[in-house]
PDB file of N, CA and C in Angstrom:
ATOM      1  N   LEU A   1      -0.983  15.219  -4.811  1.00  0.00           N
ATOM      2  CA  LEU A   1      -1.387  15.937  -6.133  1.00  0.00           C
ATOM      3  C   LEU A   1      -2.949  16.480  -6.108  1.00  0.00           C
ATOM      4  N   LYS A   2      -3.618  15.614  -5.512  1.00  0.00           N
ATOM      5  CA  LYS A   2      -4.952  15.996  -5.423  1.00  0.00           C
ATOM      6  C   LYS A   2      -5.310  17.122  -4.712  1.00  0.00           C
ATOM      7  N   ALA A   3      -4.365  17.688  -3.804  1.00  0.00           N
ATOM      8  CA  ALA A   3      -4.925  18.678  -2.721  1.00  0.00           C
ATOM      9  C   ALA A   3      -4.995  19.922  -3.646  1.00  0.00           C
ATOM     10  N   ARG A   4      -5.606  20.992  -2.942  1.00  0.00           N
ATOM     11  CA  ARG A   4      -5.564  22.091  -3.664  1.00  0.00           C
ATOM     12  C   ARG A   4      -4.351  23.002  -3.749  1.00  0.00           C
ATOM     13  N   ALA A   5      -4.057  23.453  -4.749  1.00  0.00           N
ATOM     14  CA  ALA A   5      -2.687  24.187  -4.827  1.00  0.00           C
ATOM     15  C   ALA A   5      -2.676  25.508  -3.777  1.00  0.00           C
ATOM     16  N   ARG A   6      -1.422  25.486  -3.171  1.00  0.00           N
ATOM     17  CA  ARG A   6      -1.130  26.803  -2.118  1.00  0.00           C
ATOM     18  C   ARG A   6      -0.180  27.569  -2.921  1.00  0.00           C
ATOM     19  N   VAL A   7      -0.768  28.607  -3.643  1.00  0.00           N
ATOM     20  CA  VAL A   7       0.278  29.657  -4.133  1.00  0.00           C
ATOM     21  C   VAL A   7       0.343  30.852  -2.984  1.00  0.00           C
ATOM     22  N   LYS A   8       1.520  31.155  -2.589  1.00  0.00           N
ATOM     23  CA  LYS A   8       1.874  32.084  -1.675  1.00  0.00           C
ATOM     24  C   LYS A   8       1.897  33.539  -2.590  1.00  0.00           C
ATOM     25  N   ARG A   9       1.743  34.492  -1.984  1.00  0.00           N
ATOM     26  CA  ARG A   9       1.814  35.627  -2.523  1.00  0.00           C
ATOM     27  C   ARG A   9       2.753  36.538  -2.305  1.00  0.00           C
ATOM     28  N   THR A  10       3.896  35.728  -2.338  1.00  0.00           N
ATOM     29  CA  THR A  10       5.121  36.467  -2.348  1.00  0.00           C
ATOM     30  C   THR A  10       5.899  36.825  -3.630  1.00  0.00           C
ATOM     31  N   MET A  11       7.049  37.291  -3.825  1.00  0.00           N
ATOM     32  CA  MET A  11       7.523  37.770  -5.154  1.00  0.00           C
ATOM     33  C   MET A  11       8.001  36.420  -5.793  1.00  0.00           C
ATOM     34  N   TRP A  12       7.803  36.391  -7.163  1.00  0.00           N
ATOM     35  CA  TRP A  12       8.031  35.179  -8.009  1.00  0.00           C
ATOM     36  C   TRP A  12       9.540  34.804  -7.707  1.00  0.00           C
ATOM     37  N   SER A  13      10.416  35.557  -7.470  1.00  0.00           N
ATOM     38  CA  SER A  13      11.731  35.011  -7.318  1.00  0.00           C
ATOM     39  C   SER A  13      12.312  34.414  -5.971  1.00  0.00           C
ATOM     40  N   ARG A  14      11.343  34.893  -5.129  1.00  0.00           N
ATOM     41  CA  ARG A  14      11.454  34.034  -3.692  1.00  0.00           C
ATOM     42  C   ARG A  14      10.797  32.666  -3.894  1.00  0.00           C
ATOM     43  N   ARG A  15       9.697  32.574  -4.365  1.00  0.00           N
ATOM     44  CA  ARG A  15       8.886  31.441  -4.570  1.00  0.00           C
ATOM     45  C   ARG A  15       9.616  30.456  -5.474  1.00  0.00           C
ATOM     46  N   ALA A  16      10.311  31.094  -6.712  1.00  0.00           N
ATOM     47  CA  ALA A  16      11.111  30.097  -7.496  1.00  0.00           C
ATOM     48  C   ALA A  16      12.288  29.544  -6.828  1.00  0.00           C
ATOM     49  N   GLN A  17      12.860  30.102  -5.741  1.00  0.00           N
ATOM     50  CA  GLN A  17      14.040  29.640  -4.989  1.00  0.00           C
ATOM     51  C   GLN A  17      13.542  28.563  -4.088  1.00  0.00           C
ATOM     52  N   GLU A  18      12.196  28.816  -3.560  1.00  0.00           N
ATOM     53  CA  GLU A  18      11.819  27.814  -2.643  1.00  0.00           C
ATOM     54  C   GLU A  18      11.260  26.523  -3.338  1.00  0.00           C
ATOM     55  N   TYR A  19      10.845  26.557  -4.643  1.00  0.00           N
ATOM     56  CA  TYR A  19      10.462  25.546  -5.452  1.00  0.00           C
ATOM     57  C   TYR A  19      11.772  24.602  -5.947  1.00  0.00           C
ATOM     58  N   GLU A  20      12.882  25.632  -6.337  1.00  0.00           N
ATOM     59  CA  GLU A  20      13.961  24.877  -6.722  1.00  0.00           C
ATOM     60  C   GLU A  20      14.636  24.012  -5.393  1.00  0.00           C
ATOM     61  N   ALA A  21      14.340  24.639  -4.296  1.00  0.00           N
ATOM     62  CA  ALA A  21      15.161  24.020  -3.087  1.00  0.00           C
ATOM     63  C   ALA A  21      14.259  22.621  -2.821  1.00  0.00           C
ATOM     64  N   LYS A  22      12.851  22.695  -2.985  1.00  0.00           N
ATOM     65  CA  LYS A  22      12.046  21.594  -2.863  1.00  0.00           C
ATOM     66  C   LYS A  22      12.559  20.524  -3.842  1.00  0.00           C
ATOM     67  N   ILE A  23      12.664  20.834  -5.100  1.00  0.00           N
ATOM     68  CA  ILE A  23      13.046  19.924  -6.295  1.00  0.00           C
ATOM     69  C   ILE A  23      14.462  19.127  -5.697  1.00  0.00           C
ATOM     70  N   ASN A  24      15.327  20.212  -5.417  1.00  0.00           N
ATOM     71  CA  ASN A  24      16.802  19.677  -5.308  1.00  0.00           C
ATOM     72  C   ASN A  24      16.847  18.674  -3.863  1.00  0.00           C
ATOM     73  N   SER A  25      15.810  18.858  -3.076  1.00  0.00           N
ATOM     74  CA  SER A  25      15.916  18.142  -1.876  1.00  0.00           C
ATOM     75  C   SER A  25      15.804  16.622  -2.176  1.00  0.00           C
ATOM     76  N   GLY A  26      15.047  16.256  -3.282  1.00  0.00           N
ATOM     77  CA  GLY A  26      15.032  15.022  -3.479  1.00  0.00           C
ATOM     78  C   GLY A  26      13.784  14.309  -2.953  1.00  0.00           C
ATOM     79  N   ASP A  27      13.170  14.830  -2.065  1.00  0.00           N
ATOM     80  CA  ASP A  27      11.771  14.329  -1.306  1.00  0.00           C
ATOM     81  C   ASP A  27      10.649  14.384  -2.283  1.00  0.00           C
ATOM     82  N   PRO A  28      10.293  13.276  -2.689  1.00  0.00           N
ATOM     83  CA  PRO A  28       9.103  13.141  -3.575  1.00  0.00           C
ATOM     84  C   PRO A  28       7.888  13.954  -3.077  1.00  0.00           C
ATOM     85  N   ILE A  29       7.513  13.905  -1.800  1.00  0.00           N
ATOM     86  CA  ILE A  29       6.406  14.655  -1.345  1.00  0.00           C
ATOM     87  C   ILE A  29       6.932  16.387  -1.621  1.00  0.00           C
ATOM     88  N   PHE A  30       7.950  16.776  -1.435  1.00  0.00           N
ATOM     89  CA  PHE A  30       8.050  18.267  -1.833  1.00  0.00           C
ATOM     90  C   PHE A  30       8.120  18.383  -3.405  1.00  0.00           C
ATOM     91  N   ILE A  31       8.692  17.237  -3.952  1.00  0.00           N
ATOM     92  CA  ILE A  31       8.556  17.566  -5.560  1.00  0.00           C
ATOM     93  C   ILE A  31       6.836  17.517  -5.944  1.00  0.00           C
ATOM     94  N   ALA A  32       6.228  16.819  -5.396  1.00  0.00           N
ATOM     95  CA  ALA A  32       4.855  16.561  -5.657  1.00  0.00           C
ATOM     96  C   ALA A  32       4.152  18.017  -5.450  1.00  0.00           C
ATOM     97  N   GLU A  33       4.505  18.749  -4.404  1.00  0.00           N
ATOM     98  CA  GLU A  33       3.975  19.884  -3.912  1.00  0.00           C
ATOM     99  C   GLU A  33       4.287  21.017  -5.051  1.00  0.00           C
ATOM    100  N   VAL A  34       5.556  20.964  -5.535  1.00  0.00           N
ATOM    101  CA  VAL A  34       5.864  21.860  -6.380  1.00  0.00           C
ATOM    102  C   VAL A  34       5.108  21.857  -7.874  1.00  0.00           C
ATOM    103  N   VAL A  35       4.861  20.352  -8.222  1.00  0.00           N
ATOM    104  CA  VAL A  35       4.110  19.925  -9.361  1.00  0.00           C
ATOM    105  C   VAL A  35       2.753  20.316  -9.063  1.00  0.00           C
ATOM    106  N   ARG A  36       2.137  19.948  -8.225  1.00  0.00           N
ATOM    107  CA  ARG A  36       0.582  20.665  -7.736  1.00  0.00           C
ATOM    108  C   ARG A  36       0.470  21.968  -7.795  1.00  0.00           C
ATOM    109  N   ASP A  37       1.469  22.789  -7.225  1.00  0.00           N
ATOM    110  CA  ASP A  37       1.155  24.170  -7.033  1.00  0.00           C
ATOM    111  C   ASP A  37       1.328  24.810  -8.506  1.00  0.00           C
ATOM    112  N   LEU A  38       2.328  24.462  -9.391  1.00  0.00           N
ATOM    113  CA  LEU A  38       2.527  25.116 -10.648  1.00  0.00           C
ATOM    114  C   LEU A  38       1.716  24.422 -11.750  1.00  0.00           C
ATOM    115  N   HIS A  39       0.967  23.438 -11.715  1.00  0.00           N
ATOM    116  CA  HIS A  39       0.231  22.825 -12.631  1.00  0.00           C
ATOM    117  C   HIS A  39      -0.979  23.884 -13.041  1.00  0.00           C
ATOM    118  N   ARG A  40      -1.125  24.052 -14.369  1.00  0.00           N
ATOM    119  CA  ARG A  40      -2.320  24.821 -14.813  1.00  0.00           C
ATOM    120  C   ARG A  40      -3.205  24.203 -15.595  1.00  0.00           C
ATOM    121  N   LYS A  41      -4.537  24.186 -15.075  1.00  0.00           N
ATOM    122  CA  LYS A  41      -5.613  23.540 -15.811  1.00  0.00           C
ATOM    123  C   LYS A  41      -5.948  24.452 -17.007  1.00  0.00           C
ATOM    124  N   ALA A  42      -6.966  23.704 -17.841  1.00  0.00           N
ATOM    125  CA  ALA A  42      -7.594  24.619 -18.946  1.00  0.00           C
ATOM    126  C   ALA A  42      -8.143  25.743 -18.623  1.00  0.00           C
ATOM    127  N   GLY A  43      -8.227  26.894 -19.236  1.00  0.00           N
ATOM    128  CA  GLY A  43      -8.763  28.079 -18.526  1.00  0.00           C
ATOM    129  C   GLY A  43      -8.273  28.842 -17.755  1.00  0.00           C
ATOM    130  N   GLN A  44      -7.068  28.548 -17.120  1.00  0.00           N
ATOM    131  CA  GLN A  44      -6.073  29.239 -16.343  1.00  0.00           C
ATOM    132  C   GLN A  44      -5.107  30.053 -17.278  1.00  0.00           C
ATOM    133  N   PRO A  45      -4.436  31.183 -16.516  1.00  0.00           N
ATOM    134  CA  PRO A  45      -3.650  31.872 -17.296  1.00  0.00           C
ATOM    135  C   PRO A  45      -2.582  31.097 -17.532  1.00  0.00           C
ATOM    136  N   ASP A  46      -1.791  31.320 -18.542  1.00  0.00           N
ATOM    137  CA  ASP A  46      -0.427  30.897 -18.925  1.00  0.00           C
ATOM    138  C   ASP A  46       0.458  31.001 -17.978  1.00  0.00           C
ATOM    139  N   GLN A  47       1.667  30.054 -18.093  1.00  0.00           N
ATOM    140  CA  GLN A  47       2.674  30.261 -17.049  1.00  0.00           C
ATOM    141  C   GLN A  47       3.564  31.078 -17.675  1.00  0.00           C
ATOM    142  N   SER A  48       4.557  31.604 -17.084  1.00  0.00           N
ATOM    143  CA  SER A  48       5.642  32.294 -17.447  1.00  0.00           C
ATOM    144  C   SER A  48       6.625  31.452 -18.042  1.00  0.00           C
ATOM    145  N   PHE A  49       7.615  31.773 -18.776  1.00  0.00           N
ATOM    146  CA  PHE A  49       8.859  30.725 -18.974  1.00  0.00           C
ATOM    147  C   PHE A  49       9.507  30.045 -17.926  1.00  0.00           C
ATOM    148  N   SER A  50       9.834  30.805 -17.005  1.00  0.00           N
ATOM    149  CA  SER A  50      10.723  30.226 -15.685  1.00  0.00           C
ATOM    150  C   SER A  50       9.661  29.411 -14.995  1.00  0.00           C
ATOM    151  N   GLU A  51       8.460  29.868 -14.805  1.00  0.00           N
ATOM    152  CA  GLU A  51       7.515  29.007 -14.143  1.00  0.00           C
ATOM    153  C   GLU A  51       7.321  27.688 -14.752  1.00  0.00           C
ATOM    154  N   ARG A  52       7.268  27.538 -16.126  1.00  0.00           N
ATOM    155  CA  ARG A  52       7.047  26.580 -16.891  1.00  0.00           C
ATOM    156  C   ARG A  52       8.336  25.503 -16.734  1.00  0.00           C
ATOM    157  N   GLN A  53       9.341  26.072 -16.620  1.00  0.00           N
ATOM    158  CA  GLN A  53      10.757  25.272 -16.651  1.00  0.00           C
ATOM    159  C   GLN A  53      10.687  24.560 -15.393  1.00  0.00           C
ATOM    160  N   ILE A  54      10.249  25.270 -14.286  1.00  0.00           N
ATOM    161  CA  ILE A  54      10.311  24.569 -12.764  1.00  0.00           C
ATOM    162  C   ILE A  54       9.418  23.648 -12.989  1.00  0.00           C
ATOM    163  N   PHE A  55       8.080  23.701 -13.253  1.00  0.00           N
ATOM    164  CA  PHE A  55       6.951  22.911 -13.456  1.00  0.00           C
ATOM    165  C   PHE A  55       7.618  21.554 -14.117  1.00  0.00           C
ATOM    166  N   GLU A  56       8.214  21.944 -15.209  1.00  0.00           N
ATOM    167  CA  GLU A  56       8.505  20.504 -16.147  1.00  0.00           C
ATOM    168  C   GLU A  56       9.766  19.977 -15.380  1.00  0.00           C
ATOM    169  N   SER A  57      10.609  20.663 -14.599  1.00  0.00           N
ATOM    170  CA  SER A  57      11.843  19.954 -13.861  1.00  0.00           C
ATOM    171  C   SER A  57      11.112  18.970 -12.843  1.00  0.00           C
ATOM    172  N   ALA A  58      10.241  19.673 -12.117  1.00  0.00           N
ATOM    173  CA  ALA A  58       9.335  19.064 -10.926  1.00  0.00           C
ATOM    174  C   ALA A  58       8.841  17.694 -11.401  1.00  0.00           C
ATOM    175  N   ARG A  59       8.042  17.893 -12.596  1.00  0.00           N
ATOM    176  CA  ARG A  59       7.110  16.727 -13.128  1.00  0.00           C
ATOM    177  C   ARG A  59       8.304  15.762 -13.590  1.00  0.00           C
ATOM    178  N   ASP A  60       9.190  16.088 -14.417  1.00  0.00           N
ATOM    179  CA  ASP A  60      10.170  15.089 -14.861  1.00  0.00           C
ATOM    180  C   ASP A  60      10.807  14.180 -13.651  1.00  0.00           C
ATOM    181  N   ARG A  61      11.109  15.121 -12.714  1.00  0.00           N
ATOM    182  CA  ARG A  61      11.859  14.414 -11.336  1.00  0.00           C
ATOM    183  C   ARG A  61      10.877  13.512 -10.716  1.00  0.00           C
ATOM    184  N   LEU A  62       9.662  14.028 -10.527  1.00  0.00           N
ATOM    185  CA  LEU A  62       8.490  12.916  -9.937  1.00  0.00           C
ATOM    186  C   LEU A  62       8.269  11.740 -10.837  1.00  0.00           C
ATOM    187  N   ALA A  63       8.005  11.978 -12.064  1.00  0.00           N
ATOM    188  CA  ALA A  63       7.929  11.019 -13.002  1.00  0.00           C
ATOM    189  C   ALA A  63       9.057   9.808 -12.982  1.00  0.00           C
ATOM    190  N   GLN A  64      10.357  10.285 -12.678  1.00  0.00           N
ATOM    191  CA  GLN A  64      11.416   9.243 -12.510  1.00  0.00           C
ATOM    192  C   GLN A  64      11.138   8.612 -11.536  1.00  0.00           C
ATOM    193  N   GLU A  65      10.804   9.093 -10.335  1.00  0.00           N
ATOM    194  CA  GLU A  65      10.550   8.449  -8.852  1.00  0.00           C
ATOM    195  C   GLU A  65       9.506   7.537  -9.154  1.00  0.00           C
ATOM    196  N   LEU A  66       8.388   7.775  -9.736  1.00  0.00           N
ATOM    197  CA  LEU A  66       7.283   6.830 -10.144  1.00  0.00           C
ATOM    198  C   LEU A  66       7.642   5.755 -10.752  1.00  0.00           C
ATOM    199  N   ALA A  67       8.457   5.930 -11.973  1.00  0.00           N
ATOM    200  CA  ALA A  67       8.892   5.058 -12.797  1.00  0.00           C
ATOM    201  C   ALA A  67       9.763   3.992 -12.050  1.00  0.00           C
ATOM    202  N   ALA A  68      10.417   4.496 -11.134  1.00  0.00           N
ATOM    203  CA  ALA A  68      11.487   3.565 -10.282  1.00  0.00           C
ATOM    204  C   ALA A  68      10.717   2.740  -9.456  1.00  0.00           C
ATOM    205  N   VAL A  69       9.685   3.343  -8.940  1.00  0.00           N
ATOM    206  CA  VAL A  69       8.567   2.508  -7.940  1.00  0.00           C
ATOM    207  C   VAL A  69       7.906   1.578  -8.584  1.00  0.00           C
ATOM    208  N   GLU A  70       7.223   1.879  -9.664  1.00  0.00           N
ATOM    209  CA  GLU A  70       6.386   1.122 -10.415  1.00  0.00           C
ATOM    210  C   GLU A  70       7.134   0.113 -11.392  1.00  0.00           C
ATOM    211  N   ARG A  71       8.441   0.285 -11.602  1.00  0.00           N
ATOM    212  CA  ARG A  71       9.125  -0.391 -12.557  1.00  0.00           C
ATOM    213  C   ARG A  71       8.519  -0.353 -13.731  1.00  0.00           C
ATOM    214  N   THR A  72       8.330   0.786 -14.114  1.00  0.00           N
ATOM    215  CA  THR A  72       7.822   1.248 -15.495  1.00  0.00           C
ATOM    216  C   THR A  72       8.911   2.162 -16.193  1.00  0.00           C
ATOM    217  N   ASP A  73       8.465   2.547 -17.469  1.00  0.00           N
ATOM    218  CA  ASP A  73       9.379   3.522 -18.189  1.00  0.00           C
ATOM    219  C   ASP A  73       8.707   5.063 -17.991  1.00  0.00           C
ATOM    220  N   LEU A  74       9.614   5.812 -18.284  1.00  0.00           N
ATOM    221  CA  LEU A  74       9.578   7.216 -18.034  1.00  0.00           C
ATOM    222  C   LEU A  74       8.142   7.703 -18.525  1.00  0.00           C
ATOM    223  N   GLU A  75       7.888   7.379 -19.813  1.00  0.00           N
ATOM    224  CA  GLU A  75       6.787   7.912 -20.648  1.00  0.00           C
ATOM    225  C   GLU A  75       5.367   7.649 -20.000  1.00  0.00           C
ATOM    226  N   VAL A  76       5.483   6.271 -19.513  1.00  0.00           N
ATOM    227  CA  VAL A  76       4.104   5.798 -18.751  1.00  0.00           C
ATOM    228  C   VAL A  76       3.888   6.656 -17.493  1.00  0.00           C
ATOM    229  N   ALA A  77       4.960   6.902 -16.828  1.00  0.00           N
ATOM    230  CA  ALA A  77       4.851   7.523 -15.549  1.00  0.00           C
ATOM    231  C   ALA A  77       4.540   8.929 -15.759  1.00  0.00           C
ATOM    232  N   THR A  78       5.001   9.533 -16.803  1.00  0.00           N
ATOM    233  CA  THR A  78       4.497  11.140 -17.032  1.00  0.00           C
ATOM    234  C   THR A  78       3.209  10.851 -17.352  1.00  0.00           C
ATOM    235  N   GLU A  79       2.655  10.232 -18.156  1.00  0.00           N
ATOM    236  CA  GLU A  79       1.150   9.971 -18.576  1.00  0.00           C
ATOM    237  C   GLU A  79       0.301   9.708 -17.508  1.00  0.00           C
ATOM    238  N   LYS A  80       0.813   8.972 -16.466  1.00  0.00           N
ATOM    239  CA  LYS A  80       0.030   8.774 -15.259  1.00  0.00           C
ATOM    240  C   LYS A  80      -0.139  10.084 -14.404  1.00  0.00           C
ATOM    241  N   LEU A  81       1.144  10.766 -14.329  1.00  0.00           N
ATOM    242  CA  LEU A  81       1.071  12.212 -13.366  1.00  0.00           C
ATOM    243  C   LEU A  81       0.048  13.011 -14.159  1.00  0.00           C
ATOM    244  N   GLU A  82       0.128  12.938 -15.559  1.00  0.00           N
ATOM    245  CA  GLU A  82      -0.668  14.189 -16.178  1.00  0.00           C
ATOM    246  C   GLU A  82      -2.057  13.727 -16.044  1.00  0.00           C
ATOM    247  N   GLU A  83      -2.402  12.482 -15.941  1.00  0.00           N
ATOM    248  CA  GLU A  83      -3.786  12.031 -15.617  1.00  0.00           C
ATOM    249  C   GLU A  83      -4.349  12.381 -14.306  1.00  0.00           C
ATOM    250  N   LEU A  84      -3.430  12.165 -13.402  1.00  0.00           N
ATOM    251  CA  LEU A  84      -3.692  12.628 -12.000  1.00  0.00           C
ATOM    252  C   LEU A  84      -3.953  14.064 -11.732  1.00  0.00           C
ATOM    253  N   LEU A  85      -3.378  14.845 -12.617  1.00  0.00           N
ATOM    254  CA  LEU A  85      -3.282  16.348 -12.436  1.00  0.00           C
ATOM    255  C   LEU A  85      -4.615  16.780 -12.972  1.00  0.00           C
ATOM    256  N   GLN A  86      -5.024  16.047 -14.116  1.00  0.00           N
ATOM    257  CA  GLN A  86      -6.345  16.609 -14.785  1.00  0.00           C
ATOM    258  C   GLN A  86      -7.538  16.157 -13.870  1.00  0.00           C
ATOM    259  N   ALA A  87      -7.347  14.976 -13.109  1.00  0.00           N
ATOM    260  CA  ALA A  87      -8.569  14.538 -12.437  1.00  0.00           C
ATOM    261  C   ALA A  87      -8.544  15.477 -11.057  1.00  0.00           C
ATOM    262  N   ALA A  88      -7.677  16.065 -10.687  1.00  0.00           N
ATOM    263  CA  ALA A  88      -7.518  16.716  -9.506  1.00  0.00           C
ATOM    264  C   ALA A  88      -8.383  18.150  -9.315  1.00  0.00           C
TER     265      ALA A  88
END
């Protein structure tokens, strides 16, 4: 999550398909890449509706994985992810 975001310059529909495939793979590393690439910091342009949906889907899935590993609840895991993203 701390690495620099890699945004390809392909059409959004193609990138959206790639992001969905990574989320559906179930691999936490791929899901983290989607979260990293779609996260927007303050001062950056707003996300489109579909971009925000994919980001939230990936963030929620990654938070579920983190909650399971750390044996904590989903809210705590989501807050931890948000803190990591803000620090990056």
